[in-house]
Amino acid sequence: MVYAIVKAGGRQEKVSVGDVVVVDKLAGEIGDSVELQAVMVVDGDKVTSAASELAKVKVTAEIVAPTKGPKISIIKYKNKTGYRKRQGHRQALTKIKITGIA
């Protein structure tokens, strides 16, 4: 089994061909191909983590759909002053499908 650890949007994800992964927002349209930076590749018993060998490795993915993360409620409150502040946030994400590790 071949899998890779890739850097995607400030995080590292373990991926193999056919996996659908949610990462931070990527520029591009649905169906566009993107290339991810490999940190480590495992091919059976062979583990590749040297920078010179990883420069040759290409992990390609296809953008499936833009999506959003869960709603986060931010509430600030100070006692006895009447200060209340409400704010919400939803992180922009992108769903990608891994198409190849070569």
N, C-alpha and C. Protein backbone atom coordinates (compact mmCIF):
# COMPACT_ATOMS: atom_id res chain seq x y z
N MET A 1 0.84 -1.19 0.00
CA MET A 1 0.00 0.00 0.00
C MET A 1 0.88 1.25 0.00
N VAL A 2 0.55 2.17 -0.87
CA VAL A 2 1.30 3.42 -0.99
C VAL A 2 0.49 4.54 -0.35
N TYR A 3 1.13 5.28 0.55
CA TYR A 3 0.49 6.47 1.09
C TYR A 3 1.54 7.53 1.32
N ALA A 4 1.08 8.77 1.47
CA ALA A 4 1.99 9.90 1.64
C ALA A 4 1.46 10.81 2.73
N ILE A 5 2.39 11.48 3.39
CA ILE A 5 2.04 12.55 4.32
C ILE A 5 2.30 13.84 3.54
N VAL A 6 1.25 14.65 3.35
CA VAL A 6 1.38 15.87 2.55
C VAL A 6 1.09 17.09 3.41
N LYS A 7 1.67 18.21 2.99
CA LYS A 7 1.44 19.49 3.63
C LYS A 7 0.30 20.18 2.87
N ALA A 8 -0.76 20.51 3.58
CA ALA A 8 -1.91 21.12 2.92
C ALA A 8 -2.51 22.17 3.85
N GLY A 9 -2.28 23.42 3.55
CA GLY A 9 -2.90 24.50 4.31
C GLY A 9 -2.48 24.58 5.75
N GLY A 10 -1.20 24.42 6.04
CA GLY A 10 -0.72 24.56 7.41
C GLY A 10 -0.84 23.30 8.24
N ARG A 11 -1.44 22.26 7.70
CA ARG A 11 -1.56 20.99 8.41
C ARG A 11 -0.94 19.88 7.57
N GLN A 12 -0.74 18.74 8.18
CA GLN A 12 -0.25 17.57 7.46
C GLN A 12 -1.34 16.52 7.47
N GLU A 13 -1.55 15.90 6.31
CA GLU A 13 -2.59 14.89 6.16
C GLU A 13 -1.99 13.61 5.60
N LYS A 14 -2.48 12.48 6.07
CA LYS A 14 -2.08 11.18 5.53
C LYS A 14 -3.07 10.85 4.41
N VAL A 15 -2.55 10.65 3.18
CA VAL A 15 -3.41 10.42 2.03
C VAL A 15 -2.91 9.24 1.20
N SER A 16 -3.83 8.59 0.52
CA SER A 16 -3.50 7.59 -0.49
C SER A 16 -4.42 7.85 -1.68
N VAL A 17 -4.15 7.19 -2.79
CA VAL A 17 -4.91 7.44 -4.02
C VAL A 17 -6.38 7.09 -3.80
N GLY A 18 -7.27 8.01 -4.17
CA GLY A 18 -8.71 7.81 -4.03
C GLY A 18 -9.31 8.44 -2.78
N ASP A 19 -8.48 8.90 -1.85
CA ASP A 19 -8.98 9.53 -0.63
C ASP A 19 -9.58 10.90 -0.94
N VAL A 20 -10.62 11.27 -0.21
CA VAL A 20 -11.20 12.61 -0.28
C VAL A 20 -10.87 13.29 1.05
N VAL A 21 -10.17 14.44 0.95
CA VAL A 21 -9.66 15.14 2.13
C VAL A 21 -10.19 16.57 2.12
N VAL A 22 -10.47 17.10 3.31
CA VAL A 22 -10.90 18.50 3.44
C VAL A 22 -9.70 19.30 3.95
N VAL A 23 -9.29 20.32 3.17
CA VAL A 23 -8.15 21.16 3.53
C VAL A 23 -8.58 22.62 3.51
N ASP A 24 -7.69 23.51 3.96
CA ASP A 24 -7.97 24.95 3.89
C ASP A 24 -8.22 25.36 2.45
N LYS A 25 -8.90 26.48 2.25
CA LYS A 25 -9.33 26.92 0.93
C LYS A 25 -8.16 27.00 -0.05
N LEU A 26 -8.36 26.40 -1.23
CA LEU A 26 -7.39 26.44 -2.32
C LEU A 26 -7.97 27.24 -3.48
N ALA A 27 -7.12 27.98 -4.17
CA ALA A 27 -7.57 28.73 -5.34
C ALA A 27 -7.79 27.75 -6.49
N GLY A 28 -8.88 27.93 -7.21
CA GLY A 28 -9.16 27.07 -8.35
C GLY A 28 -10.63 26.73 -8.43
N GLU A 29 -11.01 26.21 -9.60
CA GLU A 29 -12.40 25.82 -9.85
C GLU A 29 -12.58 24.32 -9.61
N ILE A 30 -13.83 23.89 -9.59
CA ILE A 30 -14.13 22.46 -9.44
C ILE A 30 -13.56 21.73 -10.66
N GLY A 31 -12.84 20.65 -10.41
CA GLY A 31 -12.24 19.87 -11.50
C GLY A 31 -10.79 20.23 -11.78
N ASP A 32 -10.31 21.34 -11.24
CA ASP A 32 -8.91 21.74 -11.44
C ASP A 32 -7.99 20.78 -10.71
N SER A 33 -6.78 20.63 -11.23
CA SER A 33 -5.79 19.77 -10.62
C SER A 33 -4.82 20.61 -9.79
N VAL A 34 -4.48 20.15 -8.60
CA VAL A 34 -3.53 20.83 -7.74
C VAL A 34 -2.45 19.85 -7.33
N GLU A 35 -1.27 20.38 -7.01
CA GLU A 35 -0.16 19.55 -6.58
C GLU A 35 0.17 19.88 -5.13
N LEU A 36 0.30 18.85 -4.31
CA LEU A 36 0.58 19.02 -2.90
C LEU A 36 2.02 18.63 -2.60
N GLN A 37 2.61 19.28 -1.60
CA GLN A 37 3.99 19.02 -1.21
C GLN A 37 4.05 17.81 -0.29
N ALA A 38 4.85 16.81 -0.67
CA ALA A 38 4.99 15.60 0.13
C ALA A 38 6.03 15.80 1.23
N VAL A 39 5.73 15.34 2.43
CA VAL A 39 6.65 15.39 3.56
C VAL A 39 7.29 14.02 3.77
N MET A 40 6.51 12.95 3.48
CA MET A 40 7.00 11.59 3.61
C MET A 40 6.17 10.69 2.71
N VAL A 41 6.80 9.67 2.11
CA VAL A 41 6.10 8.71 1.26
C VAL A 41 6.44 7.31 1.75
N VAL A 42 5.41 6.48 1.91
CA VAL A 42 5.60 5.09 2.32
C VAL A 42 5.09 4.20 1.20
N ASP A 43 5.98 3.34 0.66
CA ASP A 43 5.64 2.41 -0.41
C ASP A 43 6.02 1.01 0.06
N GLY A 44 5.06 0.34 0.70
CA GLY A 44 5.35 -0.98 1.27
C GLY A 44 6.30 -0.85 2.45
N ASP A 45 7.52 -1.43 2.31
CA ASP A 45 8.53 -1.33 3.36
C ASP A 45 9.46 -0.15 3.17
N LYS A 46 9.40 0.49 2.00
CA LYS A 46 10.31 1.61 1.69
C LYS A 46 9.70 2.93 2.16
N VAL A 47 10.42 3.62 3.04
CA VAL A 47 9.99 4.92 3.56
C VAL A 47 10.92 5.99 3.01
N THR A 48 10.35 7.00 2.34
CA THR A 48 11.13 8.08 1.77
C THR A 48 10.83 9.36 2.54
N SER A 49 11.89 9.94 3.13
CA SER A 49 11.71 11.21 3.84
C SER A 49 12.83 12.19 3.57
N ALA A 50 13.80 11.82 2.73
CA ALA A 50 14.90 12.72 2.38
C ALA A 50 14.40 13.79 1.42
N ALA A 51 14.83 15.02 1.66
CA ALA A 51 14.35 16.15 0.86
C ALA A 51 14.72 16.00 -0.61
N SER A 52 15.88 15.46 -0.90
CA SER A 52 16.30 15.31 -2.30
C SER A 52 15.42 14.31 -3.05
N GLU A 53 15.00 13.25 -2.38
CA GLU A 53 14.13 12.25 -3.01
C GLU A 53 12.69 12.74 -3.07
N LEU A 54 12.26 13.52 -2.08
CA LEU A 54 10.88 14.02 -2.08
C LEU A 54 10.65 15.08 -3.14
N ALA A 55 11.72 15.72 -3.62
CA ALA A 55 11.58 16.71 -4.68
C ALA A 55 11.09 16.07 -5.97
N LYS A 56 11.36 14.78 -6.13
CA LYS A 56 10.93 14.04 -7.33
C LYS A 56 9.50 13.53 -7.23
N VAL A 57 8.97 13.45 -6.02
CA VAL A 57 7.64 12.90 -5.78
C VAL A 57 6.58 13.95 -6.06
N LYS A 58 5.52 13.55 -6.79
CA LYS A 58 4.40 14.45 -7.06
C LYS A 58 3.13 13.82 -6.52
N VAL A 59 2.42 14.57 -5.68
CA VAL A 59 1.12 14.14 -5.18
C VAL A 59 0.10 15.07 -5.82
N THR A 60 -0.74 14.53 -6.69
CA THR A 60 -1.73 15.35 -7.41
C THR A 60 -3.12 15.08 -6.85
N ALA A 61 -3.94 16.13 -6.89
CA ALA A 61 -5.31 16.04 -6.39
C ALA A 61 -6.22 16.86 -7.28
N GLU A 62 -7.49 16.54 -7.23
CA GLU A 62 -8.51 17.25 -8.01
C GLU A 62 -9.48 17.92 -7.04
N ILE A 63 -9.82 19.17 -7.32
CA ILE A 63 -10.76 19.91 -6.46
C ILE A 63 -12.16 19.36 -6.71
N VAL A 64 -12.81 18.90 -5.63
CA VAL A 64 -14.14 18.33 -5.73
C VAL A 64 -15.20 19.40 -5.48
N ALA A 65 -15.07 20.15 -4.37
CA ALA A 65 -16.08 21.13 -4.03
C ALA A 65 -15.57 22.09 -2.96
N PRO A 66 -16.00 23.35 -3.03
CA PRO A 66 -15.72 24.25 -1.90
C PRO A 66 -16.73 23.96 -0.79
N THR A 67 -16.31 24.13 0.44
CA THR A 67 -17.20 23.85 1.57
C THR A 67 -16.85 24.79 2.71
N LYS A 68 -17.62 24.73 3.78
CA LYS A 68 -17.36 25.57 4.96
C LYS A 68 -17.29 24.68 6.20
N GLY A 69 -16.53 25.14 7.17
CA GLY A 69 -16.39 24.43 8.43
C GLY A 69 -17.59 24.71 9.32
N PRO A 70 -17.56 24.18 10.54
CA PRO A 70 -18.67 24.41 11.46
C PRO A 70 -18.71 25.85 11.96
N LYS A 71 -19.89 26.29 12.35
CA LYS A 71 -20.07 27.63 12.88
C LYS A 71 -19.46 27.72 14.28
N ILE A 72 -18.64 28.74 14.48
CA ILE A 72 -18.03 28.98 15.78
C ILE A 72 -18.61 30.27 16.33
N SER A 73 -19.17 30.22 17.52
CA SER A 73 -19.75 31.40 18.16
C SER A 73 -18.74 32.01 19.11
N ILE A 74 -18.51 33.29 18.97
CA ILE A 74 -17.59 34.02 19.83
C ILE A 74 -18.41 35.03 20.62
N ILE A 75 -18.39 34.92 21.93
CA ILE A 75 -19.16 35.81 22.78
C ILE A 75 -18.21 36.46 23.78
N LYS A 76 -18.22 37.80 23.81
CA LYS A 76 -17.42 38.53 24.79
C LYS A 76 -18.40 39.23 25.74
N TYR A 77 -18.09 39.19 27.02
CA TYR A 77 -18.98 39.73 28.03
C TYR A 77 -18.16 40.29 29.18
N LYS A 78 -18.53 41.47 29.63
CA LYS A 78 -17.89 42.04 30.82
C LYS A 78 -18.96 42.34 31.85
N ASN A 79 -18.71 41.88 33.03
CA ASN A 79 -19.68 41.99 34.12
C ASN A 79 -19.87 43.45 34.55
N LYS A 80 -21.11 43.81 34.86
CA LYS A 80 -21.50 45.10 35.46
C LYS A 80 -21.28 46.31 34.55
N THR A 81 -20.91 46.15 33.30
CA THR A 81 -20.70 47.31 32.42
C THR A 81 -21.69 47.35 31.27
N GLY A 82 -22.42 46.28 31.04
CA GLY A 82 -23.37 46.23 29.93
C GLY A 82 -22.69 45.91 28.61
N TYR A 83 -21.42 45.47 28.65
CA TYR A 83 -20.68 45.17 27.42
C TYR A 83 -20.93 43.73 27.01
N ARG A 84 -21.53 43.57 25.81
CA ARG A 84 -21.74 42.25 25.22
C ARG A 84 -21.40 42.35 23.75
N LYS A 85 -20.71 41.38 23.25
CA LYS A 85 -20.37 41.36 21.82
C LYS A 85 -20.50 39.93 21.32
N ARG A 86 -21.21 39.76 20.21
CA ARG A 86 -21.37 38.44 19.59
C ARG A 86 -20.74 38.47 18.21
N GLN A 87 -20.08 37.38 17.89
CA GLN A 87 -19.45 37.28 16.57
C GLN A 87 -19.46 35.81 16.18
N GLY A 88 -19.55 35.52 14.89
CA GLY A 88 -19.52 34.15 14.40
C GLY A 88 -18.46 34.00 13.34
N HIS A 89 -18.05 32.76 13.11
CA HIS A 89 -17.03 32.49 12.09
C HIS A 89 -17.24 31.10 11.49
N ARG A 90 -17.10 31.00 10.17
CA ARG A 90 -17.10 29.72 9.46
C ARG A 90 -15.90 29.72 8.54
N GLN A 91 -14.98 28.79 8.75
CA GLN A 91 -13.76 28.71 7.96
C GLN A 91 -14.07 28.21 6.55
N ALA A 92 -13.48 28.84 5.52
CA ALA A 92 -13.63 28.39 4.14
C ALA A 92 -12.69 27.22 3.91
N LEU A 93 -13.23 26.12 3.40
CA LEU A 93 -12.47 24.89 3.17
C LEU A 93 -12.66 24.41 1.74
N THR A 94 -11.83 23.47 1.31
CA THR A 94 -11.94 22.87 -0.01
C THR A 94 -11.84 21.36 0.13
N LYS A 95 -12.75 20.65 -0.53
CA LYS A 95 -12.72 19.19 -0.53
C LYS A 95 -11.96 18.75 -1.78
N ILE A 96 -10.90 17.93 -1.58
CA ILE A 96 -10.10 17.47 -2.72
C ILE A 96 -10.03 15.94 -2.73
N LYS A 97 -9.84 15.38 -3.93
CA LYS A 97 -9.69 13.94 -4.10
C LYS A 97 -8.29 13.67 -4.63
N ILE A 98 -7.55 12.79 -3.98
CA ILE A 98 -6.18 12.47 -4.37
C ILE A 98 -6.24 11.56 -5.61
N THR A 99 -5.56 12.00 -6.68
CA THR A 99 -5.60 11.24 -7.94
C THR A 99 -4.31 10.49 -8.24
N GLY A 100 -3.19 10.90 -7.63
CA GLY A 100 -1.97 10.16 -7.93
C GLY A 100 -0.83 10.49 -6.99
N ILE A 101 0.00 9.49 -6.71
CA ILE A 101 1.24 9.65 -5.97
C ILE A 101 2.31 9.02 -6.83
N ALA A 102 3.18 9.87 -7.39
CA ALA A 102 4.21 9.34 -8.29
C ALA A 102 5.56 9.96 -7.99
